[in-house]
């Protein structure tokens, strides 16, 4: 058995980020948001990429 987490679907990542799936679609279109993997028509996210992207969004208090 592997300790690797499976790839996240857009719906799973949207739920995790508390954003609509449509927002993830827009982010992919404009080139922002977490990195994603595309196999044919399927879009998936590595959880490590989602967490890394989220860490980059952290802003320091003014």
PDB file of N, CA and C in Angstrom:
ATOM      1  N   UNK A   1       0.842  -1.185   0.000  1.00  0.00           N
ATOM      2  CA  UNK A   1       0.000   0.000   0.000  1.00  0.00           C
ATOM      3  C   UNK A   1       0.880   1.239   0.000  1.00  0.00           C
ATOM      4  N   UNK A   2       0.485   2.232  -0.800  1.00  0.00           N
ATOM      5  CA  UNK A   2       1.254   3.457  -0.923  1.00  0.00           C
ATOM      6  C   UNK A   2       0.777   4.496   0.093  1.00  0.00           C
ATOM      7  N   UNK A   3       1.708   5.341   0.542  1.00  0.00           N
ATOM      8  CA  UNK A   3       1.324   6.419   1.455  1.00  0.00           C
ATOM      9  C   UNK A   3       1.016   7.696   0.685  1.00  0.00           C
ATOM     10  N   UNK A   4       1.057   7.642  -0.642  1.00  0.00           N
ATOM     11  CA  UNK A   4       0.753   8.817  -1.462  1.00  0.00           C
ATOM     12  C   UNK A   4      -0.748   9.052  -1.513  1.00  0.00           C
ATOM     13  N   UNK A   5      -1.112  10.313  -1.398  1.00  0.00           N
ATOM     14  CA  UNK A   5      -2.526  10.662  -1.514  1.00  0.00           C
ATOM     15  C   UNK A   5      -2.903  10.643  -2.986  1.00  0.00           C
ATOM     16  N   UNK A   6      -4.132  10.260  -3.277  1.00  0.00           N
ATOM     17  CA  UNK A   6      -4.553  10.295  -4.676  1.00  0.00           C
ATOM     18  C   UNK A   6      -4.651  11.729  -5.176  1.00  0.00           C
ATOM     19  N   UNK A   7      -4.713  11.851  -6.469  1.00  0.00           N
ATOM     20  CA  UNK A   7      -4.883  13.179  -7.065  1.00  0.00           C
ATOM     21  C   UNK A   7      -6.273  13.698  -6.745  1.00  0.00           C
ATOM     22  N   UNK A   8      -6.395  14.989  -6.555  1.00  0.00           N
ATOM     23  CA  UNK A   8      -7.684  15.597  -6.248  1.00  0.00           C
ATOM     24  C   UNK A   8      -8.417  16.000  -7.514  1.00  0.00           C
ATOM     25  N   UNK A   9      -9.717  15.813  -7.526  1.00  0.00           N
ATOM     26  CA  UNK A   9     -10.542  16.281  -8.633  1.00  0.00           C
ATOM     27  C   UNK A   9     -10.803  17.768  -8.453  1.00  0.00           C
ATOM     28  N   UNK A  10     -11.232  18.453  -9.503  1.00  0.00           N
ATOM     29  CA  UNK A  10     -11.582  19.862  -9.322  1.00  0.00           C
ATOM     30  C   UNK A  10     -12.645  20.079  -8.246  1.00  0.00           C
ATOM     31  N   UNK A  11     -13.611  19.185  -8.157  1.00  0.00           N
ATOM     32  CA  UNK A  11     -14.648  19.324  -7.126  1.00  0.00           C
ATOM     33  C   UNK A  11     -14.065  19.184  -5.725  1.00  0.00           C
ATOM     34  N   UNK A  12     -13.143  18.240  -5.538  1.00  0.00           N
ATOM     35  CA  UNK A  12     -12.522  18.050  -4.225  1.00  0.00           C
ATOM     36  C   UNK A  12     -11.662  19.253  -3.836  1.00  0.00           C
ATOM     37  N   UNK A  13     -10.905  19.768  -4.801  1.00  0.00           N
ATOM     38  CA  UNK A  13     -10.041  20.916  -4.519  1.00  0.00           C
ATOM     39  C   UNK A  13     -10.883  22.162  -4.258  1.00  0.00           C
ATOM     40  N   UNK A  14     -11.948  22.338  -5.032  1.00  0.00           N
ATOM     41  CA  UNK A  14     -12.838  23.476  -4.812  1.00  0.00           C
ATOM     42  C   UNK A  14     -13.446  23.430  -3.417  1.00  0.00           C
ATOM     43  N   UNK A  15     -13.853  22.257  -2.986  1.00  0.00           N
ATOM     44  CA  UNK A  15     -14.415  22.112  -1.636  1.00  0.00           C
ATOM     45  C   UNK A  15     -13.355  22.433  -0.586  1.00  0.00           C
ATOM     46  N   UNK A  16     -12.143  21.931  -0.787  1.00  0.00           N
ATOM     47  CA  UNK A  16     -11.046  22.176   0.139  1.00  0.00           C
ATOM     48  C   UNK A  16     -10.741  23.673   0.263  1.00  0.00           C
ATOM     49  N   UNK A  17     -10.756  24.372  -0.883  1.00  0.00           N
ATOM     50  CA  UNK A  17     -10.456  25.807  -0.898  1.00  0.00           C
ATOM     51  C   UNK A  17     -11.682  26.670  -0.620  1.00  0.00           C
ATOM     52  N   UNK A  18     -12.840  26.034  -0.543  1.00  0.00           N
ATOM     53  CA  UNK A  18     -14.118  26.738  -0.340  1.00  0.00           C
ATOM     54  C   UNK A  18     -14.365  27.762  -1.450  1.00  0.00           C
ATOM     55  N   UNK A  19     -14.153  27.290  -2.666  1.00  0.00           N
ATOM     56  CA  UNK A  19     -14.373  28.092  -3.871  1.00  0.00           C
ATOM     57  C   UNK A  19     -15.248  27.282  -4.821  1.00  0.00           C
ATOM     58  N   UNK A  20     -15.987  27.955  -5.697  1.00  0.00           N
ATOM     59  CA  UNK A  20     -16.749  27.224  -6.709  1.00  0.00           C
ATOM     60  C   UNK A  20     -15.812  26.541  -7.712  1.00  0.00           C
ATOM     61  N   UNK A  21     -16.247  25.440  -8.273  1.00  0.00           N
ATOM     62  CA  UNK A  21     -15.470  24.753  -9.308  1.00  0.00           C
ATOM     63  C   UNK A  21     -15.207  25.708 -10.473  1.00  0.00           C
ATOM     64  N   UNK A  22     -16.161  26.554 -10.760  1.00  0.00           N
ATOM     65  CA  UNK A  22     -16.013  27.529 -11.845  1.00  0.00           C
ATOM     66  C   UNK A  22     -14.819  28.450 -11.608  1.00  0.00           C
ATOM     67  N   UNK A  23     -14.531  28.776 -10.376  1.00  0.00           N
ATOM     68  CA  UNK A  23     -13.363  29.603 -10.061  1.00  0.00           C
ATOM     69  C   UNK A  23     -12.080  28.880 -10.449  1.00  0.00           C
ATOM     70  N   UNK A  24     -11.998  27.587 -10.150  1.00  0.00           N
ATOM     71  CA  UNK A  24     -10.815  26.817 -10.543  1.00  0.00           C
ATOM     72  C   UNK A  24     -10.679  26.784 -12.061  1.00  0.00           C
ATOM     73  N   UNK A  25     -11.803  26.648 -12.767  1.00  0.00           N
ATOM     74  CA  UNK A  25     -11.772  26.674 -14.228  1.00  0.00           C
ATOM     75  C   UNK A  25     -11.205  27.999 -14.730  1.00  0.00           C
ATOM     76  N   UNK A  26     -11.652  29.086 -14.132  1.00  0.00           N
ATOM     77  CA  UNK A  26     -11.167  30.412 -14.523  1.00  0.00           C
ATOM     78  C   UNK A  26      -9.680  30.560 -14.223  1.00  0.00           C
ATOM     79  N   UNK A  27      -9.262  30.100 -13.068  1.00  0.00           N
ATOM     80  CA  UNK A  27      -7.847  30.174 -12.711  1.00  0.00           C
ATOM     81  C   UNK A  27      -6.992  29.393 -13.705  1.00  0.00           C
ATOM     82  N   UNK A  28      -7.457  28.218 -14.114  1.00  0.00           N
ATOM     83  CA  UNK A  28      -6.711  27.445 -15.114  1.00  0.00           C
ATOM     84  C   UNK A  28      -6.622  28.213 -16.426  1.00  0.00           C
ATOM     85  N   UNK A  29      -7.708  28.855 -16.821  1.00  0.00           N
ATOM     86  CA  UNK A  29      -7.768  29.589 -18.084  1.00  0.00           C
ATOM     87  C   UNK A  29      -6.786  30.759 -18.107  1.00  0.00           C
ATOM     88  N   UNK A  30      -6.723  31.486 -17.010  1.00  0.00           N
ATOM     89  CA  UNK A  30      -5.848  32.667 -16.965  1.00  0.00           C
ATOM     90  C   UNK A  30      -4.439  32.344 -16.464  1.00  0.00           C
ATOM     91  N   UNK A  31      -4.207  31.120 -16.021  1.00  0.00           N
ATOM     92  CA  UNK A  31      -2.875  30.702 -15.602  1.00  0.00           C
ATOM     93  C   UNK A  31      -2.512  31.009 -14.173  1.00  0.00           C
ATOM     94  N   UNK A  32      -3.535  31.233 -13.334  1.00  0.00           N
ATOM     95  CA  UNK A  32      -3.283  31.417 -11.906  1.00  0.00           C
ATOM     96  C   UNK A  32      -3.817  30.183 -11.177  1.00  0.00           C
ATOM     97  N   UNK A  33      -3.721  30.191  -9.888  1.00  0.00           N
ATOM     98  CA  UNK A  33      -4.217  29.047  -9.133  1.00  0.00           C
ATOM     99  C   UNK A  33      -3.190  27.943  -9.051  1.00  0.00           C
ATOM    100  N   UNK A  34      -3.565  26.849  -8.403  1.00  0.00           N
ATOM    101  CA  UNK A  34      -2.629  25.733  -8.228  1.00  0.00           C
ATOM    102  C   UNK A  34      -2.282  25.072  -9.557  1.00  0.00           C
ATOM    103  N   UNK A  35      -1.086  24.486  -9.612  1.00  0.00           N
ATOM    104  CA  UNK A  35      -0.708  23.686 -10.774  1.00  0.00           C
ATOM    105  C   UNK A  35      -1.690  22.532 -10.896  1.00  0.00           C
ATOM    106  N   UNK A  36      -1.883  22.061 -12.119  1.00  0.00           N
ATOM    107  CA  UNK A  36      -2.784  20.939 -12.338  1.00  0.00           C
ATOM    108  C   UNK A  36      -2.194  19.981 -13.362  1.00  0.00           C
ATOM    109  N   UNK A  37      -2.729  18.785 -13.377  1.00  0.00           N
ATOM    110  CA  UNK A  37      -2.316  17.741 -14.303  1.00  0.00           C
ATOM    111  C   UNK A  37      -3.488  17.463 -15.218  1.00  0.00           C
ATOM    112  N   UNK A  38      -3.226  17.355 -16.502  1.00  0.00           N
ATOM    113  CA  UNK A  38      -4.299  17.063 -17.442  1.00  0.00           C
ATOM    114  C   UNK A  38      -3.951  15.790 -18.196  1.00  0.00           C
ATOM    115  N   UNK A  39      -4.827  14.806 -18.096  1.00  0.00           N
ATOM    116  CA  UNK A  39      -4.677  13.542 -18.818  1.00  0.00           C
ATOM    117  C   UNK A  39      -5.904  13.401 -19.702  1.00  0.00           C
ATOM    118  N   UNK A  40      -5.732  13.679 -20.971  1.00  0.00           N
ATOM    119  CA  UNK A  40      -6.891  13.704 -21.854  1.00  0.00           C
ATOM    120  C   UNK A  40      -7.772  14.874 -21.457  1.00  0.00           C
ATOM    121  N   UNK A  41      -9.028  14.590 -21.169  1.00  0.00           N
ATOM    122  CA  UNK A  41      -9.953  15.638 -20.726  1.00  0.00           C
ATOM    123  C   UNK A  41      -9.989  15.794 -19.212  1.00  0.00           C
ATOM    124  N   UNK A  42      -9.382  14.858 -18.513  1.00  0.00           N
ATOM    125  CA  UNK A  42      -9.439  14.875 -17.051  1.00  0.00           C
ATOM    126  C   UNK A  42      -8.428  15.855 -16.468  1.00  0.00           C
ATOM    127  N   UNK A  43      -8.901  16.672 -15.537  1.00  0.00           N
ATOM    128  CA  UNK A  43      -8.042  17.601 -14.806  1.00  0.00           C
ATOM    129  C   UNK A  43      -7.937  17.088 -13.374  1.00  0.00           C
ATOM    130  N   UNK A  44      -6.725  17.015 -12.888  1.00  0.00           N
ATOM    131  CA  UNK A  44      -6.483  16.579 -11.515  1.00  0.00           C
ATOM    132  C   UNK A  44      -5.436  17.480 -10.899  1.00  0.00           C
ATOM    133  N   UNK A  45      -5.424  17.515  -9.581  1.00  0.00           N
ATOM    134  CA  UNK A  45      -4.481  18.338  -8.828  1.00  0.00           C
ATOM    135  C   UNK A  45      -3.695  17.449  -7.875  1.00  0.00           C
ATOM    136  N   UNK A  46      -2.379  17.672  -7.829  1.00  0.00           N
ATOM    137  CA  UNK A  46      -1.573  17.028  -6.788  1.00  0.00           C
ATOM    138  C   UNK A  46      -1.808  17.847  -5.529  1.00  0.00           C
ATOM    139  N   UNK A  47      -2.095  17.169  -4.439  1.00  0.00           N
ATOM    140  CA  UNK A  47      -2.369  17.882  -3.190  1.00  0.00           C
ATOM    141  C   UNK A  47      -1.161  18.705  -2.748  1.00  0.00           C
ATOM    142  N   UNK A  48       0.030  18.229  -3.043  1.00  0.00           N
ATOM    143  CA  UNK A  48       1.223  18.999  -2.673  1.00  0.00           C
ATOM    144  C   UNK A  48       1.274  20.325  -3.434  1.00  0.00           C
ATOM    145  N   UNK A  49       0.820  20.334  -4.699  1.00  0.00           N
ATOM    146  CA  UNK A  49       0.774  21.580  -5.466  1.00  0.00           C
ATOM    147  C   UNK A  49      -0.293  22.526  -4.923  1.00  0.00           C
ATOM    148  N   UNK A  50      -1.413  21.975  -4.496  1.00  0.00           N
ATOM    149  CA  UNK A  50      -2.481  22.805  -3.922  1.00  0.00           C
ATOM    150  C   UNK A  50      -1.982  23.458  -2.637  1.00  0.00           C
ATOM    151  N   UNK A  51      -1.340  22.658  -1.783  1.00  0.00           N
ATOM    152  CA  UNK A  51      -0.823  23.198  -0.518  1.00  0.00           C
ATOM    153  C   UNK A  51       0.286  24.222  -0.752  1.00  0.00           C
ATOM    154  N   UNK A  52       1.151  23.976  -1.735  1.00  0.00           N
ATOM    155  CA  UNK A  52       2.223  24.932  -2.047  1.00  0.00           C
ATOM    156  C   UNK A  52       1.637  26.244  -2.559  1.00  0.00           C
ATOM    157  N   UNK A  53       0.640  26.157  -3.418  1.00  0.00           N
ATOM    158  CA  UNK A  53      -0.008  27.361  -3.937  1.00  0.00           C
ATOM    159  C   UNK A  53      -0.676  28.136  -2.797  1.00  0.00           C
ATOM    160  N   UNK A  54      -1.334  27.404  -1.910  1.00  0.00           N
ATOM    161  CA  UNK A  54      -2.003  28.033  -0.783  1.00  0.00           C
ATOM    162  C   UNK A  54      -0.995  28.740   0.117  1.00  0.00           C
ATOM    163  N   UNK A  55       0.155  28.131   0.336  1.00  0.00           N
ATOM    164  CA  UNK A  55       1.208  28.769   1.136  1.00  0.00           C
ATOM    165  C   UNK A  55       1.685  30.063   0.490  1.00  0.00           C
ATOM    166  N   UNK A  56       1.730  30.109  -0.838  1.00  0.00           N
ATOM    167  CA  UNK A  56       2.158  31.327  -1.539  1.00  0.00           C
ATOM    168  C   UNK A  56       1.143  32.442  -1.421  1.00  0.00           C
ATOM    169  N   UNK A  57      -0.093  32.104  -1.105  1.00  0.00           N
ATOM    170  CA  UNK A  57      -1.157  33.115  -0.997  1.00  0.00           C
ATOM    171  C   UNK A  57      -1.187  33.787   0.367  1.00  0.00           C
ATOM    172  N   UNK A  58      -0.392  33.294   1.296  1.00  0.00           N
ATOM    173  CA  UNK A  58      -0.369  33.851   2.643  1.00  0.00           C
ATOM    174  C   UNK A  58       0.202  35.265   2.616  1.00  0.00           C
ATOM    175  N   UNK A  59      -0.540  36.189   3.163  1.00  0.00           N
ATOM    176  CA  UNK A  59      -0.108  37.589   3.194  1.00  0.00           C
ATOM    177  C   UNK A  59       0.238  37.998   4.619  1.00  0.00           C
ATOM    178  N   UNK A  60       1.250  38.807   4.738  1.00  0.00           N
ATOM    179  CA  UNK A  60       1.637  39.321   6.049  1.00  0.00           C
ATOM    180  C   UNK A  60       0.703  40.473   6.408  1.00  0.00           C
ATOM    181  N   UNK A  61       0.431  40.602   7.684  1.00  0.00           N
ATOM    182  CA  UNK A  61      -0.405  41.701   8.149  1.00  0.00           C
ATOM    183  C   UNK A  61       0.331  43.016   7.960  1.00  0.00           C
ATOM    184  N   UNK A  62      -0.433  44.030   7.629  1.00  0.00           N
ATOM    185  CA  UNK A  62       0.174  45.361   7.384  1.00  0.00           C
ATOM    186  C   UNK A  62       0.474  46.080   8.667  1.00  0.00           C
TER     187      UNK A  62
END
